Structures are given as C-alpha cells and as structure tokens.
C-alpha cells in the first residue's frame, strides 16, 4: 500500500511556531521551513521590531502580519503591511526597518 503525498501544509500558518535563528540578532528573527517545490523552499519568517541590513537571495514573499519597510541600495522603498507581495533579487542590498513584528510567507 502506497501513501498519498501530503496536500495540507499548514492548517493555520499564522499559528505555526517558528524557531529562533541567528540570521539577525537585531531583529530577533525566527523561521520555519514548511515545504519544498523542486529546489524552492516555502516557509515562514518573522522579525522585529528593529533595523538591520541584508544581502538578499532570490525570493518572493507575502506579508502576513506586521508593519515596516524595506529600503534597497537604489533608495527605493517598499512599505510592508499585510497583503503586500514582494520580489527580491539575489544580491539586492536591503535595510529592513520593522516597526511591528512582521511575519512573511516566502518562496526562496
């Protein structure tokens, strides 16, 4: 008897417990990998409040909760709030200014 692949990844992504990590001590970041699609990881990431800089990988993310902004090295700024969908490109240099703990669903 073969088992079917899991279809339900999370019954409530907003209730998922995330694991603290060392990506940014300034933002007290935490994450949880939920699934993979080929070589793409799908997961949750939470951070803030606070300010930190980063060099990005290829990623698309959807803000689920929280507030803030991400500024790019070309001085463009994207305001972050629930419902905002963002595309980061590998090598983007960013400054994250999180005013209310932010949680995003990412594909990277």
Protein backbone atom coordinates (compact mmCIF):
# COMPACT_ATOMS: atom_id res chain seq x y z
CA UNK A 1 0.00 0.00 0.00
CA UNK A 2 1.45 3.37 -1.00
CA UNK A 3 0.64 6.52 0.89
CA UNK A 4 -0.54 9.65 -0.85
CA UNK A 5 1.70 12.72 -0.69
CA UNK A 6 0.64 15.29 1.89
CA UNK A 7 -1.50 18.08 0.47
CA UNK A 8 -2.15 20.13 3.58
CA UNK A 9 0.98 22.04 4.52
CA UNK A 10 -0.48 24.00 7.42
CA UNK A 11 -3.98 24.28 8.82
CA UNK A 12 -3.14 27.82 10.04
CA UNK A 13 0.15 29.44 9.03
CA UNK A 14 -0.46 32.31 11.46
CA UNK A 15 -0.45 29.83 14.36
CA UNK A 16 2.76 28.00 13.33
CA UNK A 17 5.53 28.01 15.95
CA UNK A 18 8.73 29.41 14.43
CA UNK A 19 12.26 28.54 15.53
CA UNK A 20 14.53 31.38 16.64
CA UNK A 21 17.60 31.64 14.42
CA UNK A 22 20.82 33.64 14.28
CA UNK A 23 20.16 35.40 10.96
CA UNK A 24 19.68 38.77 12.68
CA UNK A 25 20.13 39.37 16.39
CA UNK A 26 19.00 42.97 15.84
CA UNK A 27 15.61 41.79 14.53
CA UNK A 28 15.25 38.62 16.68
CA UNK A 29 14.47 36.59 13.56
CA UNK A 30 12.75 33.21 13.51
CA UNK A 31 11.70 30.90 10.70
CA UNK A 32 10.15 27.58 9.78
CA UNK A 33 10.52 25.70 6.50
CA UNK A 34 7.11 24.33 5.52
CA UNK A 35 7.64 22.60 2.17
CA UNK A 36 9.78 22.40 -0.95
CA UNK A 37 8.76 22.74 -4.58
CA UNK A 38 11.67 21.28 -6.52
CA UNK A 39 14.58 23.43 -5.31
CA UNK A 40 12.34 26.18 -3.92
CA UNK A 41 11.77 26.36 -0.17
CA UNK A 42 8.41 27.57 1.13
CA UNK A 43 8.45 28.85 4.67
CA UNK A 44 7.61 31.42 7.28
CA UNK A 45 9.94 34.15 8.57
CA UNK A 46 9.34 36.57 11.41
CA UNK A 47 11.38 39.57 12.57
CA UNK A 48 11.39 42.80 14.50
CA UNK A 49 10.84 45.34 15.62
CA UNK A 50 14.19 46.86 14.78
CA UNK A 51 16.54 47.74 11.93
CA UNK A 52 19.08 45.57 10.10
CA UNK A 53 20.77 45.25 6.71
CA UNK A 54 21.00 42.20 4.46
CA UNK A 55 22.12 40.93 1.06
CA UNK A 56 19.20 39.05 -0.42
CA UNK A 57 18.71 35.76 -2.27
CA UNK A 58 16.07 35.25 -4.98
CA UNK A 59 12.79 35.33 -3.11
CA UNK A 60 9.11 36.16 -3.37
CA UNK A 61 7.28 36.89 -0.13
CA UNK A 62 3.82 37.82 1.08
CA UNK A 63 3.48 39.83 4.29
CA UNK A 64 1.01 38.06 6.59
CA UNK A 65 1.21 40.37 9.61
CA UNK A 66 3.14 43.32 10.99
CA UNK A 67 4.43 46.61 9.62
CA UNK A 68 7.66 48.10 8.36
CA UNK A 69 9.60 48.95 5.25
CA UNK A 70 12.44 47.55 3.19
CA UNK A 71 14.82 50.01 1.50
CA UNK A 72 17.02 48.98 -1.41
CA UNK A 73 20.51 50.22 -2.31
CA UNK A 74 18.97 52.29 -5.17
CA UNK A 75 17.00 54.24 -2.47
CA UNK A 76 13.64 52.70 -3.45
CA UNK A 77 11.43 51.74 -0.51
CA UNK A 78 8.57 49.25 -0.22
CA UNK A 79 6.17 49.74 2.68
CA UNK A 80 5.39 46.40 4.31
CA UNK A 81 1.93 45.55 5.66
CA UNK A 82 -0.35 42.52 5.43
CA UNK A 83 -1.14 41.65 1.83
CA UNK A 84 1.97 43.19 0.25
CA UNK A 85 3.72 40.82 -2.20
CA UNK A 86 7.44 41.50 -2.87
CA UNK A 87 10.10 40.10 -5.23
CA UNK A 88 13.71 40.23 -4.01
CA UNK A 89 16.56 39.61 -6.42
CA UNK A 90 19.79 37.82 -5.50
CA UNK A 91 22.35 40.42 -4.48
CA UNK A 92 19.85 43.15 -3.53
CA UNK A 93 21.30 45.12 -0.63
CA UNK A 94 18.50 45.97 1.76
CA UNK A 95 17.77 47.76 5.01
CA UNK A 96 14.82 46.37 6.92
CA UNK A 97 13.00 48.78 9.24
CA UNK A 98 10.40 46.76 11.12
CA UNK A 99 8.06 48.78 13.34
CA UNK A 100 5.68 45.95 14.32
CA UNK A 101 6.81 42.31 14.40
CA UNK A 102 6.49 41.13 10.82
CA UNK A 103 5.70 37.64 9.56
CA UNK A 104 6.01 36.69 5.89
CA UNK A 105 5.37 33.60 3.82
CA UNK A 106 8.34 33.17 1.47
CA UNK A 107 9.41 31.17 -1.57
CA UNK A 108 13.19 31.14 -1.98
